[in-house]
Amino acid sequence: MAEIARKLPAAEWCSRDDLMRLVEVLGADNMRWVGGAVRDTLLGSGAHDIDAATTHQPAEVIRRLDEAGIRSVPTGIAHGTVTAVLEGGHVEITTLRYDTATDGRHAEVAFTADWREDAARRDFTINALYAHPMTLEVFDWFGGLEDLAASRVRFIGDARERIREDHLRILRYYRFQARFGSELDADAEEACAELAPTLKGLSRERVGWELQNLLTVTDPVATVRRMAERGVLGVVLPEAGEAELDAFEALVQAEAEAGLPPSPIRRLAALLPADPRVAETLAARLRLSTAMRKRLVTAAKRDGAPGDPRALAFRLGREEAFDRLLLAGESTAPIEGWEIPQFPLKGGQVVERGVKAGPEVARVLNTVQDRWIDEGFPDAERVHAMLDELLAAERT
């Protein structure tokens, strides 16, 4: 078991000028760094989003920021969150709080000055670690440091109670388990399986967002398989059968071998049958963006060998070509670092050769483009020769 210090290592972000200015404005004893930045710094990985907790009420936070010339945005004012817009990145500042009412989807909160009370409403012990901004001392009320050292993801208090407060915590549990966990917590596993049907009551956007976060983890294969075994995956992604799970595992391995970062949409496609209609239905259900929907459907159109990688990249786009190649178990090497060329022929040039403007120009362009692709994207001189050859053949 690794040992986790009770003090933050002196990471670069801990002494960032704009963050130190924020500490000065709020007062070092009135705030703590909290959440992911603390957890990840303790693990020796880079901190991304910086969050702070404070004893100040939201109005007081805004007042202090305004007086210091720091722009603030009331991003979640009803829940006590104000975002400070800093040079090095935004910081969410949330007033200490506790839940007064929950229904599995939303929470009503009241503000407090009790650090432990604030920590008690968080989901997992490893996310309830607070650090003093000057001394860097870590405050831990629920055994988060021990769990972090043991690679264990554990709910604070009763797992079922925490899930009933917010059903999305089921998916968050699996995401954090995939990223940080190696030792399973039996109580958490049983609670998630038992309460999995409650996920049906959540907004599809929240489910879709959390699924994408899970699929962004470097290697979530074991976790996703366990979700399937415990009946959780079937609630949010019933399209994923055993064949899809095998395809998902193969894809994750192929991405790693190709040295490519995880792609949540590509991985989502692997968990679906190769059917564009299924992809369209899922994209609508999860309220995916137009770009995500298009990419998912394109990946679902895979049918047999994807063909020449460069032709695929030209016709579909680089990322879409990566998707189709990796899902087919093919190498992406031919298009890595390859600059997709522009087709060196315009409609006006076709008209100049005597072709009437309109549909006929489009037909000629498409025919020449197909030949250009088949020949491996030769230069403009060869393309114009192809055009001349085509027009001469059609006029005889």
Protein backbone atom coordinates (compact mmCIF):
# COMPACT_ATOMS: atom_id res chain seq x y z
CA MET A 1 0.00 0.00 0.00
CA ALA A 2 1.36 3.39 -1.00
CA GLU A 3 1.64 6.11 1.59
CA ILE A 4 -0.15 9.40 0.92
CA ALA A 5 1.21 12.49 2.67
CA ARG A 6 -0.98 14.70 4.83
CA LYS A 7 0.46 17.71 3.07
CA LEU A 8 0.25 18.68 -0.58
CA PRO A 9 3.50 18.42 -2.53
CA ALA A 10 4.72 21.84 -3.64
CA ALA A 11 3.14 21.58 -7.09
CA GLU A 12 3.50 24.47 -9.52
CA TRP A 13 -0.16 25.44 -9.32
CA CYS A 14 -0.01 25.82 -5.53
CA SER A 15 2.08 28.98 -5.86
CA ARG A 16 0.60 30.38 -9.06
CA ASP A 17 0.49 34.18 -8.88
CA ASP A 18 -3.19 34.54 -9.74
CA LEU A 19 -4.17 31.86 -7.23
CA MET A 20 -2.09 33.49 -4.52
CA ARG A 21 -3.89 36.74 -5.30
CA LEU A 22 -7.21 34.91 -4.86
CA VAL A 23 -6.04 33.60 -1.48
CA GLU A 24 -5.19 37.14 -0.44
CA VAL A 25 -8.62 38.38 -1.49
CA LEU A 26 -10.61 35.66 0.30
CA GLY A 27 -8.27 35.18 3.24
CA ALA A 28 -6.20 32.03 3.69
CA ASP A 29 -8.11 30.87 6.77
CA ASN A 30 -11.46 31.38 5.03
CA MET A 31 -10.79 29.04 2.12
CA ARG A 32 -9.37 25.65 1.16
CA TRP A 33 -8.44 24.01 -2.11
CA VAL A 34 -10.70 21.00 -2.53
CA GLY A 35 -11.59 18.09 -4.76
CA GLY A 36 -9.79 16.90 -7.86
CA ALA A 37 -6.82 19.25 -7.70
CA VAL A 38 -6.00 18.09 -4.17
CA ARG A 39 -6.58 14.41 -4.97
CA ASP A 40 -4.57 14.43 -8.19
CA THR A 41 -1.69 16.42 -6.70
CA LEU A 42 -1.43 13.90 -3.86
CA LEU A 43 -1.20 11.18 -6.49
CA GLY A 44 1.55 13.05 -8.33
CA SER A 45 -0.50 13.73 -11.46
CA GLY A 46 -1.22 17.14 -12.92
CA ALA A 47 -4.07 19.19 -11.52
CA HIS A 48 -6.51 20.57 -14.08
CA ASP A 49 -9.59 22.25 -12.68
CA ILE A 50 -8.90 24.15 -9.47
CA ASP A 51 -11.81 24.38 -7.02
CA ALA A 52 -12.02 26.23 -3.72
CA ALA A 53 -14.36 26.03 -0.75
CA THR A 54 -14.95 29.06 1.46
CA THR A 55 -16.77 30.13 4.60
CA HIS A 56 -17.82 33.36 2.87
CA GLN A 57 -21.38 33.66 1.60
CA PRO A 58 -21.69 34.01 -2.21
CA ALA A 59 -22.52 37.72 -2.04
CA GLU A 60 -19.41 38.34 0.03
CA VAL A 61 -17.28 36.35 -2.41
CA ILE A 62 -18.58 38.48 -5.29
CA ARG A 63 -18.01 41.68 -3.35
CA ARG A 64 -14.41 40.79 -2.52
CA LEU A 65 -13.65 39.74 -6.09
CA ASP A 66 -15.18 42.93 -7.48
CA GLU A 67 -13.18 45.12 -5.12
CA ALA A 68 -10.00 43.31 -6.17
CA GLY A 69 -10.80 43.79 -9.86
CA ILE A 70 -11.34 40.07 -10.46
CA ARG A 71 -14.24 39.26 -12.74
CA SER A 72 -16.78 36.87 -11.25
CA VAL A 73 -19.55 34.79 -12.82
CA PRO A 74 -22.44 33.48 -10.68
CA THR A 75 -22.34 30.06 -12.32
CA GLY A 76 -24.26 28.21 -9.61
CA ILE A 77 -25.33 30.92 -7.23
CA ALA A 78 -28.31 28.96 -5.84
CA HIS A 79 -25.88 26.27 -4.73
CA GLY A 80 -23.25 28.75 -3.55
CA THR A 81 -20.86 28.62 -6.52
CA VAL A 82 -19.16 31.69 -7.97
CA THR A 83 -16.52 31.39 -10.69
CA ALA A 84 -13.48 33.65 -10.50
CA VAL A 85 -12.06 34.41 -13.94
CA LEU A 86 -8.29 34.32 -13.47
CA GLU A 87 -5.41 34.63 -15.89
CA GLY A 88 -4.28 31.04 -15.37
CA GLY A 89 -7.76 29.54 -15.57
CA HIS A 90 -11.16 29.80 -13.95
CA VAL A 91 -11.64 28.78 -10.32
CA GLU A 92 -15.00 27.69 -8.93
CA ILE A 93 -15.47 29.02 -5.39
CA THR A 94 -18.26 27.36 -3.44
CA THR A 95 -19.58 28.38 -0.04
CA LEU A 96 -19.59 25.60 2.57
CA ARG A 97 -23.01 23.96 2.47
CA TYR A 98 -25.16 21.00 3.41
CA ASP A 99 -28.19 19.43 1.76
CA THR A 100 -31.63 20.28 3.10
CA ALA A 101 -33.58 18.28 0.49
CA THR A 102 -32.69 15.83 -2.30
CA ASP A 103 -34.71 13.80 -4.79
CA GLY A 104 -32.03 11.90 -6.69
CA ARG A 105 -31.81 14.56 -9.38
CA HIS A 106 -31.56 17.92 -7.62
CA ALA A 107 -30.53 19.18 -4.21
CA GLU A 108 -31.54 22.15 -2.11
CA VAL A 109 -28.76 23.47 0.10
CA ALA A 110 -28.15 25.73 3.06
CA PHE A 111 -24.86 27.42 3.85
CA THR A 112 -22.69 26.58 6.83
CA ALA A 113 -19.33 27.51 8.34
CA ASP A 114 -18.49 23.91 9.24
CA TRP A 115 -15.79 22.37 7.02
CA ARG A 116 -16.62 18.81 8.06
CA GLU A 117 -20.32 19.34 7.32
CA ASP A 118 -19.43 20.49 3.83
CA ALA A 119 -17.16 17.48 3.31
CA ALA A 120 -19.90 15.11 4.48
CA ARG A 121 -22.16 16.00 1.52
CA ARG A 122 -19.55 15.02 -1.06
CA ASP A 123 -19.73 11.70 -2.87
CA PHE A 124 -16.48 9.80 -2.27
CA THR A 125 -13.86 9.97 0.43
CA ILE A 126 -11.09 10.68 -2.07
CA ASN A 127 -13.00 13.75 -3.26
CA ALA A 128 -13.48 15.13 0.25
CA LEU A 129 -9.88 16.19 0.83
CA TYR A 130 -9.26 19.87 1.60
CA ALA A 131 -5.90 21.68 1.59
CA HIS A 132 -4.97 24.92 3.34
CA PRO A 133 -3.78 27.31 0.60
CA MET A 134 -0.70 28.46 2.51
CA THR A 135 0.44 25.61 4.77
CA LEU A 136 -0.78 22.97 2.22
CA GLU A 137 -1.93 20.84 5.16
CA VAL A 138 -4.53 18.28 4.02
CA PHE A 139 -7.74 17.90 6.03
CA ASP A 140 -9.41 14.49 5.86
CA TRP A 141 -12.48 13.58 7.94
CA PHE A 142 -13.56 10.34 6.26
CA GLY A 143 -10.45 8.28 5.51
CA GLY A 144 -9.88 9.62 2.02
CA LEU A 145 -6.10 9.55 2.35
CA GLU A 146 -6.16 5.89 3.33
CA ASP A 147 -8.53 5.07 0.47
CA LEU A 148 -6.33 6.99 -1.97
CA ALA A 149 -3.32 5.01 -0.83
CA ALA A 150 -5.25 1.75 -1.20
CA SER A 151 -6.67 2.69 -4.64
CA ARG A 152 -10.16 2.30 -3.24
CA VAL A 153 -13.23 4.32 -4.24
CA ARG A 154 -15.62 4.46 -1.29
CA PHE A 155 -18.78 6.46 -0.69
CA ILE A 156 -18.87 8.76 2.32
CA GLY A 157 -21.23 7.17 4.82
CA ASP A 158 -23.96 4.86 3.60
CA ALA A 159 -23.59 4.16 -0.13
CA ARG A 160 -27.32 3.68 -0.73
CA GLU A 161 -28.16 6.94 0.99
CA ARG A 162 -25.60 8.83 -1.08
CA ILE A 163 -26.96 7.33 -4.31
CA ARG A 164 -30.55 8.16 -3.35
CA GLU A 165 -29.42 11.77 -2.92
CA ASP A 166 -28.07 11.85 -6.48
CA HIS A 167 -28.61 8.87 -8.77
CA LEU A 168 -25.81 10.00 -11.08
CA ARG A 169 -23.35 8.96 -8.38
CA ILE A 170 -23.71 5.39 -9.69
CA LEU A 171 -22.02 6.34 -12.94
CA ARG A 172 -19.58 8.61 -11.12
CA TYR A 173 -18.61 5.67 -8.91
CA TYR A 174 -17.71 3.57 -11.94
CA ARG A 175 -15.82 6.44 -13.55
CA PHE A 176 -13.72 7.00 -10.45
CA GLN A 177 -13.30 3.26 -9.99
CA ALA A 178 -11.97 2.99 -13.56
CA ARG A 179 -9.54 5.85 -12.99
CA PHE A 180 -8.40 5.40 -9.39
CA GLY A 181 -9.59 2.07 -8.11
CA SER A 182 -8.00 -1.35 -8.00
CA GLU A 183 -9.42 -2.56 -4.69
CA LEU A 184 -13.18 -3.03 -4.97
CA ASP A 185 -15.54 -1.79 -2.28
CA ALA A 186 -18.21 -4.49 -1.91
CA ASP A 187 -20.76 -2.15 -0.34
CA ALA A 188 -20.45 0.36 -3.18
CA GLU A 189 -20.76 -2.38 -5.81
CA GLU A 190 -23.90 -3.81 -4.21
CA ALA A 191 -25.49 -0.39 -3.78
CA CYS A 192 -24.87 0.57 -7.41
CA ALA A 193 -26.33 -2.71 -8.68
CA GLU A 194 -29.37 -2.49 -6.41
CA LEU A 195 -30.18 1.11 -7.30
CA ALA A 196 -29.23 1.01 -11.00
CA PRO A 197 -32.90 1.38 -12.13
CA THR A 198 -32.94 4.86 -10.56
CA LEU A 199 -30.71 6.04 -13.42
CA LYS A 200 -33.79 6.01 -15.64
CA GLY A 201 -35.08 9.08 -13.82
CA LEU A 202 -32.11 11.26 -14.74
CA SER A 203 -31.94 13.65 -17.65
CA ARG A 204 -30.41 12.01 -20.68
CA GLU A 205 -27.90 14.85 -21.00
CA ARG A 206 -26.45 14.10 -17.55
CA VAL A 207 -26.24 10.39 -18.33
CA GLY A 208 -24.61 11.06 -21.70
CA TRP A 209 -22.08 13.44 -20.19
CA GLU A 210 -21.12 11.01 -17.43
CA LEU A 211 -20.85 8.12 -19.91
CA GLN A 212 -18.44 10.19 -22.00
CA ASN A 213 -16.39 11.00 -18.90
CA LEU A 214 -16.16 7.28 -18.10
CA LEU A 215 -15.14 6.43 -21.65
CA THR A 216 -12.37 9.04 -21.53
CA VAL A 217 -10.54 7.07 -18.83
CA THR A 218 -7.42 5.43 -20.26
CA ASP A 219 -8.53 1.83 -19.75
CA PRO A 220 -12.12 1.40 -18.55
CA VAL A 221 -12.59 -2.12 -19.99
CA ALA A 222 -12.74 -4.04 -16.70
CA THR A 223 -15.07 -1.45 -15.20
CA VAL A 224 -17.45 -1.42 -18.17
CA ARG A 225 -17.59 -5.22 -18.14
CA ARG A 226 -18.40 -5.16 -14.44
CA MET A 227 -21.13 -2.59 -15.08
CA ALA A 228 -22.61 -5.04 -17.60
CA GLU A 229 -22.35 -7.97 -15.19
CA ARG A 230 -24.06 -6.03 -12.38
CA GLY A 231 -26.90 -4.84 -14.64
CA VAL A 232 -25.89 -1.17 -14.57
CA LEU A 233 -24.76 -0.81 -18.19
CA GLY A 234 -28.00 -2.32 -19.45
CA VAL A 235 -29.97 0.51 -17.86
CA VAL A 236 -28.12 3.31 -19.64
CA LEU A 237 -26.82 1.46 -22.71
CA PRO A 238 -29.00 -1.58 -23.43
CA GLU A 239 -27.57 -1.78 -26.96
CA ALA A 240 -24.25 -3.11 -25.62
CA GLY A 241 -24.23 -6.92 -25.73
CA GLU A 242 -21.35 -9.36 -25.34
CA ALA A 243 -20.19 -8.85 -28.95
CA GLU A 244 -20.08 -5.08 -28.40
CA LEU A 245 -18.14 -5.49 -25.16
CA ASP A 246 -15.56 -7.58 -27.04
CA ALA A 247 -15.37 -4.91 -29.77
CA PHE A 248 -14.93 -2.25 -27.08
CA GLU A 249 -12.05 -4.13 -25.47
CA ALA A 250 -10.36 -4.60 -28.86
CA LEU A 251 -10.74 -0.90 -29.63
CA VAL A 252 -9.22 0.24 -26.34
CA GLN A 253 -6.24 -2.02 -27.01
CA ALA A 254 -5.93 -0.76 -30.60
CA GLU A 255 -5.95 2.88 -29.44
CA ALA A 256 -3.17 2.11 -26.97
CA GLU A 257 -1.08 0.30 -29.58
CA ALA A 258 -1.51 3.22 -31.99
CA GLY A 259 -0.54 5.71 -29.29
CA LEU A 260 -3.82 7.58 -29.71
CA PRO A 261 -5.68 9.30 -26.87
CA PRO A 262 -9.04 7.85 -25.83
CA SER A 263 -12.01 9.02 -27.84
CA PRO A 264 -15.33 8.73 -25.98
CA ILE A 265 -17.44 8.88 -29.15
CA ARG A 266 -15.32 6.23 -30.88
CA ARG A 267 -15.57 4.05 -27.81
CA LEU A 268 -19.31 4.63 -27.60
CA ALA A 269 -19.56 3.50 -31.23
CA ALA A 270 -17.76 0.27 -30.34
CA LEU A 271 -20.41 -0.42 -27.68
CA LEU A 272 -23.14 -0.23 -30.33
CA PRO A 273 -24.04 -2.58 -33.18
CA ALA A 274 -22.77 -1.45 -36.60
CA ASP A 275 -26.15 0.05 -37.46
CA PRO A 276 -26.57 3.78 -38.24
CA ARG A 277 -30.21 3.66 -37.10
CA VAL A 278 -29.16 2.48 -33.64
CA ALA A 279 -26.54 5.23 -33.50
CA GLU A 280 -29.11 7.87 -34.50
CA THR A 281 -31.50 6.68 -31.81
CA LEU A 282 -28.83 6.71 -29.11
CA ALA A 283 -27.55 10.16 -30.14
CA ALA A 284 -31.08 11.53 -29.81
CA ARG A 285 -31.63 9.77 -26.50
CA LEU A 286 -28.42 11.14 -24.97
CA ARG A 287 -28.92 14.57 -26.54
CA LEU A 288 -25.52 14.46 -28.21
CA SER A 289 -24.36 17.51 -30.15
CA THR A 290 -24.78 17.58 -33.91
CA ALA A 291 -21.05 16.97 -34.44
CA MET A 292 -21.04 14.03 -32.01
CA ARG A 293 -24.13 12.53 -33.61
CA LYS A 294 -22.62 12.77 -37.08
CA ARG A 295 -19.39 11.13 -35.97
CA LEU A 296 -21.21 8.34 -34.12
CA VAL A 297 -23.41 7.58 -37.12
CA THR A 298 -20.41 7.63 -39.48
CA ALA A 299 -18.63 5.11 -37.26
CA ALA A 300 -21.75 2.95 -37.20
CA LYS A 301 -21.77 2.73 -41.01
CA ARG A 302 -18.80 0.37 -40.88
CA ASP A 303 -19.46 -2.64 -43.06
CA GLY A 304 -16.53 -4.90 -43.82
CA ALA A 305 -13.02 -3.69 -44.61
CA PRO A 306 -12.71 0.10 -44.50
CA GLY A 307 -10.55 0.26 -47.64
CA ASP A 308 -7.63 2.56 -48.41
CA PRO A 309 -6.91 4.65 -45.28
CA ARG A 310 -6.05 7.82 -47.18
CA ALA A 311 -9.13 7.60 -49.34
CA LEU A 312 -11.14 7.13 -46.18
CA ALA A 313 -9.54 10.15 -44.54
CA PHE A 314 -10.22 12.34 -47.58
CA ARG A 315 -13.87 11.31 -47.83
CA LEU A 316 -14.77 11.22 -44.14
CA GLY A 317 -12.19 13.33 -42.32
CA ARG A 318 -9.16 12.30 -40.26
CA GLU A 319 -10.88 11.51 -36.95
CA GLU A 320 -13.69 9.64 -38.66
CA ALA A 321 -11.10 7.63 -40.61
CA PHE A 322 -9.29 6.82 -37.37
CA ASP A 323 -12.62 5.61 -36.00
CA ARG A 324 -13.37 3.29 -38.90
CA LEU A 325 -9.82 1.89 -39.09
CA LEU A 326 -9.51 1.23 -35.36
CA LEU A 327 -12.97 -0.30 -35.13
CA ALA A 328 -11.99 -2.63 -37.97
CA GLY A 329 -8.68 -3.52 -36.36
CA GLU A 330 -6.70 -1.84 -39.15
CA SER A 331 -3.54 0.27 -38.86
CA THR A 332 -3.83 4.04 -38.71
CA ALA A 333 -0.16 4.53 -39.66
CA PRO A 334 -0.88 5.55 -43.31
CA ILE A 335 -2.76 8.68 -42.23
CA GLU A 336 -0.82 9.64 -39.11
CA GLY A 337 0.88 12.92 -39.92
CA TRP A 338 -0.52 12.87 -43.45
CA GLU A 339 -1.94 16.19 -44.59
CA ILE A 340 -5.24 15.65 -46.35
CA PRO A 341 -4.91 17.32 -49.80
CA GLN A 342 -7.39 19.63 -51.47
CA PHE A 343 -8.91 18.39 -54.70
CA PRO A 344 -7.15 20.61 -57.30
CA LEU A 345 -10.12 21.11 -59.64
CA LYS A 346 -12.96 23.61 -59.44
CA GLY A 347 -16.33 23.76 -61.14
CA GLY A 348 -15.38 26.88 -63.07
CA GLN A 349 -12.46 25.06 -64.66
CA VAL A 350 -14.84 22.34 -65.83
CA VAL A 351 -17.20 24.95 -67.31
CA GLU A 352 -14.23 26.49 -69.15
CA ARG A 353 -13.82 23.13 -70.90
CA GLY A 354 -17.30 23.45 -72.40
CA VAL A 355 -19.42 21.64 -69.82
CA LYS A 356 -22.76 23.30 -69.13
CA ALA A 357 -23.08 24.71 -65.60
CA GLY A 358 -25.32 22.68 -63.33
CA PRO A 359 -25.65 18.99 -62.43
CA GLU A 360 -23.35 17.92 -65.26
CA VAL A 361 -20.44 19.85 -63.72
CA ALA A 362 -20.96 18.07 -60.41
CA ARG A 363 -21.01 14.70 -62.14
CA VAL A 364 -17.75 15.43 -63.96
CA LEU A 365 -16.08 16.71 -60.79
CA ASN A 366 -17.10 13.59 -58.88
CA THR A 367 -15.88 11.28 -61.63
CA VAL A 368 -12.49 12.98 -61.84
CA GLN A 369 -12.20 13.11 -58.05
CA ASP A 370 -12.84 9.37 -57.81
CA ARG A 371 -10.04 8.72 -60.32
CA TRP A 372 -7.75 11.12 -58.46
CA ILE A 373 -8.31 9.24 -55.23
CA ASP A 374 -7.80 5.86 -56.93
CA GLU A 375 -4.46 7.07 -58.33
CA GLY A 376 -3.24 8.18 -54.92
CA PHE A 377 -3.88 11.94 -55.07
CA PRO A 378 -1.56 13.04 -57.94
CA ASP A 379 -0.79 16.72 -58.62
CA ALA A 380 -2.93 19.30 -60.40
CA GLU A 381 -1.32 18.66 -63.79
CA ARG A 382 -2.40 15.03 -63.69
CA VAL A 383 -5.90 16.00 -62.55
CA HIS A 384 -6.38 18.31 -65.51
CA ALA A 385 -5.13 15.55 -67.78
CA MET A 386 -7.76 13.25 -66.24
CA LEU A 387 -10.42 15.86 -67.00
CA ASP A 388 -9.31 16.14 -70.61
CA GLU A 389 -9.30 12.35 -70.95
CA LEU A 390 -12.79 12.05 -69.52
CA LEU A 391 -14.27 14.81 -71.68
CA ALA A 392 -12.58 13.48 -74.82
CA ALA A 393 -13.92 9.97 -74.16
CA GLU A 394 -17.46 11.27 -73.60
CA ARG A 395 -17.44 13.35 -76.81
CA THR A 396 -16.45 10.48 -79.09
